[in-house]
Amino acid sequence: PFHDANWQLVRYKGNDKAFLWTYERNGFMNLNV
């Protein structure tokens, strides 16, 4: 959604809310849950 390839999300179709955020930071892949 941010027009930034570093931020890739997975959403639930029922409400369009994201339950997984993925992005690289400080040399590691990070997941927000």
PDB file of all heavy atoms in Angstrom:
ATOM      1  N   PRO A   1       0.785  -1.239   0.000  1.00  0.00           N
ATOM      2  CA  PRO A   1       0.000   0.000   0.000  1.00  0.00           C
ATOM      3  C   PRO A   1       0.813   1.284   0.000  1.00  0.00           C
ATOM      4  O   PRO A   1       0.267   2.353  -0.270  1.00  0.00           O
ATOM      5  CB  PRO A   1      -0.809  -0.111   1.294  1.00  0.00           C
ATOM      6  CG  PRO A   1       0.068  -0.919   2.211  1.00  0.00           C
ATOM      7  CD  PRO A   1       0.751  -1.912   1.310  1.00  0.00           C
ATOM      8  N   PHE A   2       2.093   1.210   0.302  1.00  0.00           N
ATOM      9  CA  PHE A   2       2.873   2.433   0.450  1.00  0.00           C
ATOM     10  C   PHE A   2       3.708   2.769  -0.780  1.00  0.00           C
ATOM     11  O   PHE A   2       4.533   3.683  -0.739  1.00  0.00           O
ATOM     12  CB  PHE A   2       3.789   2.316   1.677  1.00  0.00           C
ATOM     13  CG  PHE A   2       3.063   1.911   2.924  1.00  0.00           C
ATOM     14  CD1 PHE A   2       3.488   0.821   3.672  1.00  0.00           C
ATOM     15  CD2 PHE A   2       1.940   2.610   3.349  1.00  0.00           C
ATOM     16  CE1 PHE A   2       2.815   0.443   4.825  1.00  0.00           C
ATOM     17  CE2 PHE A   2       1.264   2.235   4.497  1.00  0.00           C
ATOM     18  CZ  PHE A   2       1.693   1.145   5.232  1.00  0.00           C
ATOM     19  N   HIS A   3       3.513   2.046  -1.885  1.00  0.00           N
ATOM     20  CA  HIS A   3       4.311   2.237  -3.107  1.00  0.00           C
ATOM     21  C   HIS A   3       5.804   2.150  -2.783  1.00  0.00           C
ATOM     22  O   HIS A   3       6.624   2.888  -3.330  1.00  0.00           O
ATOM     23  CB  HIS A   3       3.973   3.583  -3.756  1.00  0.00           C
ATOM     24  CG  HIS A   3       2.517   3.762  -4.033  1.00  0.00           C
ATOM     25  ND1 HIS A   3       1.861   3.054  -5.019  1.00  0.00           N
ATOM     26  CD2 HIS A   3       1.577   4.549  -3.434  1.00  0.00           C
ATOM     27  CE1 HIS A   3       0.593   3.411  -5.034  1.00  0.00           C
ATOM     28  NE2 HIS A   3       0.384   4.296  -4.083  1.00  0.00           N
ATOM     29  N   ASP A   4       6.111   1.252  -1.846  1.00  0.00           N
ATOM     30  CA  ASP A   4       7.487   1.022  -1.410  1.00  0.00           C
ATOM     31  C   ASP A   4       7.682  -0.487  -1.354  1.00  0.00           C
ATOM     32  O   ASP A   4       7.050  -1.173  -0.543  1.00  0.00           O
ATOM     33  CB  ASP A   4       7.707   1.651  -0.035  1.00  0.00           C
ATOM     34  CG  ASP A   4       9.123   1.455   0.491  1.00  0.00           C
ATOM     35  OD1 ASP A   4       9.892   0.668  -0.106  1.00  0.00           O
ATOM     36  OD2 ASP A   4       9.457   2.081   1.518  1.00  0.00           O
ATOM     37  N   ALA A   5       8.529  -0.999  -2.228  1.00  0.00           N
ATOM     38  CA  ALA A   5       8.702  -2.456  -2.319  1.00  0.00           C
ATOM     39  C   ALA A   5       9.202  -3.074  -1.029  1.00  0.00           C
ATOM     40  O   ALA A   5       9.077  -4.290  -0.831  1.00  0.00           O
ATOM     41  CB  ALA A   5       9.681  -2.773  -3.456  1.00  0.00           C
ATOM     42  N   ASN A   6       9.750  -2.269  -0.135  1.00  0.00           N
ATOM     43  CA  ASN A   6      10.238  -2.813   1.138  1.00  0.00           C
ATOM     44  C   ASN A   6       9.099  -3.217   2.054  1.00  0.00           C
ATOM     45  O   ASN A   6       9.297  -4.012   2.965  1.00  0.00           O
ATOM     46  CB  ASN A   6      11.135  -1.790   1.845  1.00  0.00           C
ATOM     47  CG  ASN A   6      11.803  -2.380   3.084  1.00  0.00           C
ATOM     48  OD1 ASN A   6      12.239  -3.532   3.078  1.00  0.00           O
ATOM     49  ND2 ASN A   6      11.889  -1.598   4.149  1.00  0.00           N
ATOM     50  N   TRP A   7       7.911  -2.667   1.832  1.00  0.00           N
ATOM     51  CA  TRP A   7       6.772  -2.982   2.697  1.00  0.00           C
ATOM     52  C   TRP A   7       5.770  -3.838   1.920  1.00  0.00           C
ATOM     53  O   TRP A   7       5.090  -3.347   1.022  1.00  0.00           O
ATOM     54  CB  TRP A   7       6.105  -1.703   3.193  1.00  0.00           C
ATOM     55  CG  TRP A   7       6.935  -0.978   4.207  1.00  0.00           C
ATOM     56  CD1 TRP A   7       7.934  -0.089   3.965  1.00  0.00           C
ATOM     57  CD2 TRP A   7       6.836  -1.098   5.623  1.00  0.00           C
ATOM     58  NE1 TRP A   7       8.474   0.365   5.142  1.00  0.00           N
ATOM     59  CE2 TRP A   7       7.824  -0.241   6.184  1.00  0.00           C
ATOM     60  CE3 TRP A   7       6.030  -1.845   6.487  1.00  0.00           C
ATOM     61  CZ2 TRP A   7       8.011  -0.114   7.558  1.00  0.00           C
ATOM     62  CZ3 TRP A   7       6.215  -1.709   7.855  1.00  0.00           C
ATOM     63  CH2 TRP A   7       7.196  -0.862   8.382  1.00  0.00           C
ATOM     64  N   GLN A   8       5.707  -5.116   2.291  1.00  0.00           N
ATOM     65  CA  GLN A   8       4.774  -6.059   1.677  1.00  0.00           C
ATOM     66  C   GLN A   8       3.892  -6.621   2.778  1.00  0.00           C
ATOM     67  O   GLN A   8       4.377  -7.124   3.799  1.00  0.00           O
ATOM     68  CB  GLN A   8       5.530  -7.192   0.982  1.00  0.00           C
ATOM     69  CG  GLN A   8       6.445  -6.732  -0.149  1.00  0.00           C
ATOM     70  CD  GLN A   8       5.681  -6.258  -1.362  1.00  0.00           C
ATOM     71  OE1 GLN A   8       4.598  -6.762  -1.666  1.00  0.00           O
ATOM     72  NE2 GLN A   8       6.237  -5.282  -2.070  1.00  0.00           N
ATOM     73  N   LEU A   9       2.586  -6.543   2.591  1.00  0.00           N
ATOM     74  CA  LEU A   9       1.624  -6.949   3.613  1.00  0.00           C
ATOM     75  C   LEU A   9       0.789  -8.120   3.123  1.00  0.00           C
ATOM     76  O   LEU A   9       0.628  -8.337   1.918  1.00  0.00           O
ATOM     77  CB  LEU A   9       0.676  -5.795   3.959  1.00  0.00           C
ATOM     78  CG  LEU A   9       1.174  -4.638   4.820  1.00  0.00           C
ATOM     79  CD1 LEU A   9       2.384  -3.945   4.216  1.00  0.00           C
ATOM     80  CD2 LEU A   9       0.045  -3.632   5.051  1.00  0.00           C
ATOM     81  N   VAL A  10       0.204  -8.856   4.066  1.00  0.00           N
ATOM     82  CA  VAL A  10      -0.823  -9.844   3.735  1.00  0.00           C
ATOM     83  C   VAL A  10      -2.075  -9.464   4.515  1.00  0.00           C
ATOM     84  O   VAL A  10      -2.020  -9.258   5.735  1.00  0.00           O
ATOM     85  CB  VAL A  10      -0.392 -11.280   4.076  1.00  0.00           C
ATOM     86  CG1 VAL A  10      -1.508 -12.265   3.715  1.00  0.00           C
ATOM     87  CG2 VAL A  10       0.883 -11.645   3.322  1.00  0.00           C
ATOM     88  N   ARG A  11      -3.172  -9.348   3.795  1.00  0.00           N
ATOM     89  CA  ARG A  11      -4.439  -8.913   4.387  1.00  0.00           C
ATOM     90  C   ARG A  11      -5.485 -10.032   4.349  1.00  0.00           C
ATOM     91  O   ARG A  11      -5.400 -10.957   3.541  1.00  0.00           O
ATOM     92  CB  ARG A  11      -4.998  -7.702   3.636  1.00  0.00           C
ATOM     93  CG  ARG A  11      -4.115  -6.461   3.662  1.00  0.00           C
ATOM     94  CD  ARG A  11      -4.798  -5.303   2.946  1.00  0.00           C
ATOM     95  NE  ARG A  11      -3.963  -4.123   2.852  1.00  0.00           N
ATOM     96  CZ  ARG A  11      -3.872  -3.183   3.787  1.00  0.00           C
ATOM     97  NH1 ARG A  11      -4.581  -3.301   4.900  1.00  0.00           N
ATOM     98  NH2 ARG A  11      -3.091  -2.124   3.610  1.00  0.00           N
ATOM     99  N   TYR A  12      -6.493  -9.875   5.217  1.00  0.00           N
ATOM    100  CA  TYR A  12      -7.649 -10.766   5.233  1.00  0.00           C
ATOM    101  C   TYR A  12      -8.771 -10.115   4.424  1.00  0.00           C
ATOM    102  O   TYR A  12      -9.140  -8.956   4.669  1.00  0.00           O
ATOM    103  CB  TYR A  12      -8.100 -11.000   6.673  1.00  0.00           C
ATOM    104  CG  TYR A  12      -9.400 -11.751   6.798  1.00  0.00           C
ATOM    105  CD1 TYR A  12      -9.524 -13.059   6.330  1.00  0.00           C
ATOM    106  CD2 TYR A  12     -10.522 -11.150   7.375  1.00  0.00           C
ATOM    107  CE1 TYR A  12     -10.724 -13.744   6.426  1.00  0.00           C
ATOM    108  CE2 TYR A  12     -11.719 -11.834   7.487  1.00  0.00           C
ATOM    109  CZ  TYR A  12     -11.817 -13.123   7.011  1.00  0.00           C
ATOM    110  OH  TYR A  12     -13.008 -13.806   7.113  1.00  0.00           O
ATOM    111  N   LYS A  13      -9.307 -10.840   3.444  1.00  0.00           N
ATOM    112  CA  LYS A  13     -10.301 -10.270   2.533  1.00  0.00           C
ATOM    113  C   LYS A  13     -11.588  -9.852   3.238  1.00  0.00           C
ATOM    114  O   LYS A  13     -12.280  -8.940   2.780  1.00  0.00           O
ATOM    115  CB  LYS A  13     -10.649 -11.292   1.444  1.00  0.00           C
ATOM    116  CG  LYS A  13      -9.531 -11.560   0.453  1.00  0.00           C
ATOM    117  CD  LYS A  13      -9.970 -12.586  -0.589  1.00  0.00           C
ATOM    118  CE  LYS A  13      -8.854 -12.884  -1.572  1.00  0.00           C
ATOM    119  NZ  LYS A  13      -9.254 -13.912  -2.563  1.00  0.00           N
ATOM    120  N   GLY A  14     -11.921 -10.514   4.354  1.00  0.00           N
ATOM    121  CA  GLY A  14     -13.183 -10.219   5.026  1.00  0.00           C
ATOM    122  C   GLY A  14     -13.293  -8.790   5.513  1.00  0.00           C
ATOM    123  O   GLY A  14     -14.396  -8.232   5.569  1.00  0.00           O
ATOM    124  N   ASN A  15     -12.158  -8.177   5.879  1.00  0.00           N
ATOM    125  CA  ASN A  15     -12.200  -6.799   6.367  1.00  0.00           C
ATOM    126  C   ASN A  15     -11.037  -5.941   5.836  1.00  0.00           C
ATOM    127  O   ASN A  15     -10.898  -4.782   6.215  1.00  0.00           O
ATOM    128  CB  ASN A  15     -12.195  -6.764   7.897  1.00  0.00           C
ATOM    129  CG  ASN A  15     -11.064  -7.591   8.497  1.00  0.00           C
ATOM    130  OD1 ASN A  15     -10.021  -7.795   7.865  1.00  0.00           O
ATOM    131  ND2 ASN A  15     -11.268  -8.066   9.714  1.00  0.00           N
ATOM    132  N   ASP A  16     -10.225  -6.539   4.969  1.00  0.00           N
ATOM    133  CA  ASP A  16      -9.080  -5.858   4.350  1.00  0.00           C
ATOM    134  C   ASP A  16      -8.012  -5.417   5.355  1.00  0.00           C
ATOM    135  O   ASP A  16      -7.166  -4.570   5.049  1.00  0.00           O
ATOM    136  CB  ASP A  16      -9.535  -4.642   3.527  1.00  0.00           C
ATOM    137  CG  ASP A  16     -10.332  -5.051   2.297  1.00  0.00           C
ATOM    138  OD1 ASP A  16      -9.967  -6.063   1.677  1.00  0.00           O
ATOM    139  OD2 ASP A  16     -11.331  -4.376   1.981  1.00  0.00           O
ATOM    140  N   LYS A  17      -8.020  -5.999   6.542  1.00  0.00           N
ATOM    141  CA  LYS A  17      -7.005  -5.659   7.537  1.00  0.00           C
ATOM    142  C   LYS A  17      -5.764  -6.537   7.354  1.00  0.00           C
ATOM    143  O   LYS A  17      -5.870  -7.713   7.020  1.00  0.00           O
ATOM    144  CB  LYS A  17      -7.559  -5.844   8.952  1.00  0.00           C
ATOM    145  CG  LYS A  17      -8.640  -4.834   9.319  1.00  0.00           C
ATOM    146  CD  LYS A  17      -9.105  -5.037  10.751  1.00  0.00           C
ATOM    147  CE  LYS A  17     -10.162  -4.013  11.133  1.00  0.00           C
ATOM    148  NZ  LYS A  17     -10.618  -4.208  12.538  1.00  0.00           N
ATOM    149  N   ALA A  18      -4.601  -5.946   7.603  1.00  0.00           N
ATOM    150  CA  ALA A  18      -3.344  -6.683   7.466  1.00  0.00           C
ATOM    151  C   ALA A  18      -3.037  -7.433   8.764  1.00  0.00           C
ATOM    152  O   ALA A  18      -3.163  -6.866   9.858  1.00  0.00           O
ATOM    153  CB  ALA A  18      -2.211  -5.725   7.143  1.00  0.00           C
ATOM    154  N   PHE A  19      -2.643  -8.689   8.634  1.00  0.00           N
ATOM    155  CA  PHE A  19      -2.220  -9.458   9.800  1.00  0.00           C
ATOM    156  C   PHE A  19      -0.729  -9.773   9.755  1.00  0.00           C
ATOM    157  O   PHE A  19      -0.168 -10.259  10.739  1.00  0.00           O
ATOM    158  CB  PHE A  19      -3.032 -10.749   9.946  1.00  0.00           C
ATOM    159  CG  PHE A  19      -2.836 -11.754   8.849  1.00  0.00           C
ATOM    160  CD1 PHE A  19      -1.910 -12.780   8.979  1.00  0.00           C
ATOM    161  CD2 PHE A  19      -3.587 -11.686   7.681  1.00  0.00           C
ATOM    162  CE1 PHE A  19      -1.730 -13.714   7.966  1.00  0.00           C
ATOM    163  CE2 PHE A  19      -3.418 -12.612   6.662  1.00  0.00           C
ATOM    164  CZ  PHE A  19      -2.483 -13.634   6.808  1.00  0.00           C
ATOM    165  N   LEU A  20      -0.084  -9.479   8.617  1.00  0.00           N
ATOM    166  CA  LEU A  20       1.361  -9.654   8.500  1.00  0.00           C
ATOM    167  C   LEU A  20       1.954  -8.493   7.720  1.00  0.00           C
ATOM    168  O   LEU A  20       1.514  -8.180   6.616  1.00  0.00           O
ATOM    169  CB  LEU A  20       1.695 -10.970   7.790  1.00  0.00           C
ATOM    170  CG  LEU A  20       3.188 -11.212   7.541  1.00  0.00           C
ATOM    171  CD1 LEU A  20       3.924 -11.450   8.861  1.00  0.00           C
ATOM    172  CD2 LEU A  20       3.411 -12.386   6.596  1.00  0.00           C
ATOM    173  N   TRP A  21       2.950  -7.839   8.324  1.00  0.00           N
ATOM    174  CA  TRP A  21       3.700  -6.780   7.669  1.00  0.00           C
ATOM    175  C   TRP A  21       5.134  -7.278   7.522  1.00  0.00           C
ATOM    176  O   TRP A  21       5.720  -7.771   8.485  1.00  0.00           O
ATOM    177  CB  TRP A  21       3.710  -5.506   8.515  1.00  0.00           C
ATOM    178  CG  TRP A  21       2.367  -4.940   8.845  1.00  0.00           C
ATOM    179  CD1 TRP A  21       1.366  -5.536   9.562  1.00  0.00           C
ATOM    180  CD2 TRP A  21       1.884  -3.645   8.500  1.00  0.00           C
ATOM    181  NE1 TRP A  21       0.286  -4.705   9.678  1.00  0.00           N
ATOM    182  CE2 TRP A  21       0.574  -3.522   9.037  1.00  0.00           C
ATOM    183  CE3 TRP A  21       2.434  -2.570   7.782  1.00  0.00           C
ATOM    184  CZ2 TRP A  21      -0.185  -2.365   8.875  1.00  0.00           C
ATOM    185  CZ3 TRP A  21       1.668  -1.416   7.636  1.00  0.00           C
ATOM    186  CH2 TRP A  21       0.380  -1.322   8.165  1.00  0.00           C
ATOM    187  N   THR A  22       5.715  -7.154   6.346  1.00  0.00           N
ATOM    188  CA  THR A  22       7.105  -7.583   6.144  1.00  0.00           C
ATOM    189  C   THR A  22       7.923  -6.407   5.618  1.00  0.00           C
ATOM    190  O   THR A  22       7.467  -5.646   4.753  1.00  0.00           O
ATOM    191  CB  THR A  22       7.206  -8.755   5.148  1.00  0.00           C
ATOM    192  OG1 THR A  22       6.915  -8.301   3.823  1.00  0.00           O
ATOM    193  CG2 THR A  22       6.228  -9.879   5.519  1.00  0.00           C
ATOM    194  N   TYR A  23       9.140  -6.257   6.148  1.00  0.00           N
ATOM    195  CA  TYR A  23      10.013  -5.171   5.718  1.00  0.00           C
ATOM    196  C   TYR A  23      11.434  -5.464   6.216  1.00  0.00           C
ATOM    197  O   TYR A  23      11.635  -6.144   7.219  1.00  0.00           O
ATOM    198  CB  TYR A  23       9.547  -3.825   6.295  1.00  0.00           C
ATOM    199  CG  TYR A  23       9.389  -3.837   7.798  1.00  0.00           C
ATOM    200  CD1 TYR A  23      10.413  -3.386   8.635  1.00  0.00           C
ATOM    201  CD2 TYR A  23       8.225  -4.334   8.386  1.00  0.00           C
ATOM    202  CE1 TYR A  23      10.280  -3.422  10.023  1.00  0.00           C
ATOM    203  CE2 TYR A  23       8.089  -4.370   9.760  1.00  0.00           C
ATOM    204  CZ  TYR A  23       9.101  -3.914  10.584  1.00  0.00           C
ATOM    205  OH  TYR A  23       8.971  -3.959  11.946  1.00  0.00           O
ATOM    206  N   GLU A  24      12.411  -4.964   5.482  1.00  0.00           N
ATOM    207  CA  GLU A  24      13.804  -5.140   5.885  1.00  0.00           C
ATOM    208  C   GLU A  24      14.249  -3.934   6.713  1.00  0.00           C
ATOM    209  O   GLU A  24      13.977  -2.787   6.361  1.00  0.00           O
ATOM    210  CB  GLU A  24      14.710  -5.291   4.661  1.00  0.00           C
ATOM    211  CG  GLU A  24      16.141  -5.653   5.030  1.00  0.00           C
ATOM    212  CD  GLU A  24      17.009  -5.940   3.815  1.00  0.00           C
ATOM    213  OE1 GLU A  24      16.450  -6.066   2.709  1.00  0.00           O
ATOM    214  OE2 GLU A  24      18.247  -6.035   3.978  1.00  0.00           O
ATOM    215  N   ARG A  25      14.936  -4.221   7.813  1.00  0.00           N
ATOM    216  CA  ARG A  25      15.410  -3.151   8.691  1.00  0.00           C
ATOM    217  C   ARG A  25      16.668  -3.627   9.418  1.00  0.00           C
ATOM    218  O   ARG A  25      16.701  -4.744   9.929  1.00  0.00           O
ATOM    219  CB  ARG A  25      14.320  -2.772   9.703  1.00  0.00           C
ATOM    220  CG  ARG A  25      14.674  -1.648  10.661  1.00  0.00           C
ATOM    221  CD  ARG A  25      13.442  -1.193  11.424  1.00  0.00           C
ATOM    222  NE  ARG A  25      13.761  -0.144  12.384  1.00  0.00           N
ATOM    223  CZ  ARG A  25      13.940  -0.365  13.691  1.00  0.00           C
ATOM    224  NH1 ARG A  25      13.783  -1.571  14.206  1.00  0.00           N
ATOM    225  NH2 ARG A  25      14.243   0.641  14.511  1.00  0.00           N
ATOM    226  N   ASN A  26      17.674  -2.801   9.433  1.00  0.00           N
ATOM    227  CA  ASN A  26      18.936  -3.105  10.129  1.00  0.00           C
ATOM    228  C   ASN A  26      19.550  -4.428   9.665  1.00  0.00           C
ATOM    229  O   ASN A  26      20.134  -5.176  10.463  1.00  0.00           O
ATOM    230  CB  ASN A  26      18.732  -3.127  11.643  1.00  0.00           C
ATOM    231  CG  ASN A  26      18.302  -1.774  12.198  1.00  0.00           C
ATOM    232  OD1 ASN A  26      18.671  -0.733  11.646  1.00  0.00           O
ATOM    233  ND2 ASN A  26      17.525  -1.797  13.272  1.00  0.00           N
ATOM    234  N   GLY A  27      19.395  -4.720   8.386  1.00  0.00           N
ATOM    235  CA  GLY A  27      20.029  -5.904   7.827  1.00  0.00           C
ATOM    236  C   GLY A  27      19.265  -7.201   7.982  1.00  0.00           C
ATOM    237  O   GLY A  27      19.739  -8.260   7.547  1.00  0.00           O
ATOM    238  N   PHE A  28      18.075  -7.160   8.609  1.00  0.00           N
ATOM    239  CA  PHE A  28      17.272  -8.365   8.786  1.00  0.00           C
ATOM    240  C   PHE A  28      15.848  -8.132   8.281  1.00  0.00           C
ATOM    241  O   PHE A  28      15.329  -7.009   8.312  1.00  0.00           O
ATOM    242  CB  PHE A  28      17.186  -8.770  10.267  1.00  0.00           C
ATOM    243  CG  PHE A  28      18.481  -9.254  10.857  1.00  0.00           C
ATOM    244  CD1 PHE A  28      19.221  -8.434  11.703  1.00  0.00           C
ATOM    245  CD2 PHE A  28      18.968 -10.519  10.573  1.00  0.00           C
ATOM    246  CE1 PHE A  28      20.416  -8.873  12.254  1.00  0.00           C
ATOM    247  CE2 PHE A  28      20.157 -10.974  11.115  1.00  0.00           C
ATOM    248  CZ  PHE A  28      20.887 -10.143  11.956  1.00  0.00           C
ATOM    249  N   MET A  29      15.224  -9.225   7.824  1.00  0.00           N
ATOM    250  CA  MET A  29      13.808  -9.162   7.498  1.00  0.00           C
ATOM    251  C   MET A  29      13.025  -9.129   8.805  1.00  0.00           C
ATOM    252  O   MET A  29      13.325  -9.868   9.742  1.00  0.00           O
ATOM    253  CB  MET A  29      13.403 -10.376   6.650  1.00  0.00           C
ATOM    254  CG  MET A  29      11.966 -10.327   6.158  1.00  0.00           C
ATOM    255  SD  MET A  29      11.570  -8.824   5.222  1.00  0.00           S
ATOM    256  CE  MET A  29      12.825  -8.873   3.938  1.00  0.00           C
ATOM    257  N   ASN A  30      12.053  -8.239   8.878  1.00  0.00           N
ATOM    258  CA  ASN A  30      11.202  -8.094  10.053  1.00  0.00           C
ATOM    259  C   ASN A  30       9.762  -8.407   9.706  1.00  0.00           C
ATOM    260  O   ASN A  30       9.298  -8.098   8.595  1.00  0.00           O
ATOM    261  CB  ASN A  30      11.266  -6.664  10.594  1.00  0.00           C
ATOM    262  CG  ASN A  30      12.549  -6.353  11.345  1.00  0.00           C
ATOM    263  OD1 ASN A  30      12.532  -5.746  12.398  1.00  0.00           O
ATOM    264  ND2 ASN A  30      13.683  -6.761  10.796  1.00  0.00           N
ATOM    265  N   LEU A  31       9.045  -8.988  10.656  1.00  0.00           N
ATOM    266  CA  LEU A  31       7.617  -9.262  10.505  1.00  0.00           C
ATOM    267  C   LEU A  31       6.877  -8.585  11.638  1.00  0.00           C
ATOM    268  O   LEU A  31       7.249  -8.734  12.810  1.00  0.00           O
ATOM    269  CB  LEU A  31       7.332 -10.769  10.560  1.00  0.00           C
ATOM    270  CG  LEU A  31       8.212 -11.718   9.744  1.00  0.00           C
ATOM    271  CD1 LEU A  31       7.781 -13.160  10.003  1.00  0.00           C
ATOM    272  CD2 LEU A  31       8.131 -11.381   8.262  1.00  0.00           C
ATOM    273  N   ASN A  32       5.832  -7.848  11.326  1.00  0.00           N
ATOM    274  CA  ASN A  32       4.937  -7.329  12.359  1.00  0.00           C
ATOM    275  C   ASN A  32       3.688  -8.192  12.392  1.00  0.00           C
ATOM    276  O   ASN A  32       3.057  -8.426  11.341  1.00  0.00           O
ATOM    277  CB  ASN A  32       4.554  -5.879  12.074  1.00  0.00           C
ATOM    278  CG  ASN A  32       5.636  -4.902  12.491  1.00  0.00           C
ATOM    279  OD1 ASN A  32       6.770  -5.303  12.760  1.00  0.00           O
ATOM    280  ND2 ASN A  32       5.297  -3.619  12.537  1.00  0.00           N
ATOM    281  N   VAL A  33       3.325  -8.671  13.594  1.00  0.00           N
ATOM    282  CA  VAL A  33       2.149  -9.524  13.755  1.00  0.00           C
ATOM    283  C   VAL A  33       1.339  -9.038  14.952  1.00  0.00           C
ATOM    284  O   VAL A  33       1.898  -8.523  15.926  1.00  0.00           O
ATOM    285  CB  VAL A  33       2.538 -11.004  13.960  1.00  0.00           C
ATOM    286  CG1 VAL A  33       3.177 -11.580  12.704  1.00  0.00           C
ATOM    287  CG2 VAL A  33       3.471 -11.169  15.156  1.00  0.00           C
TER     288      VAL A  33
END
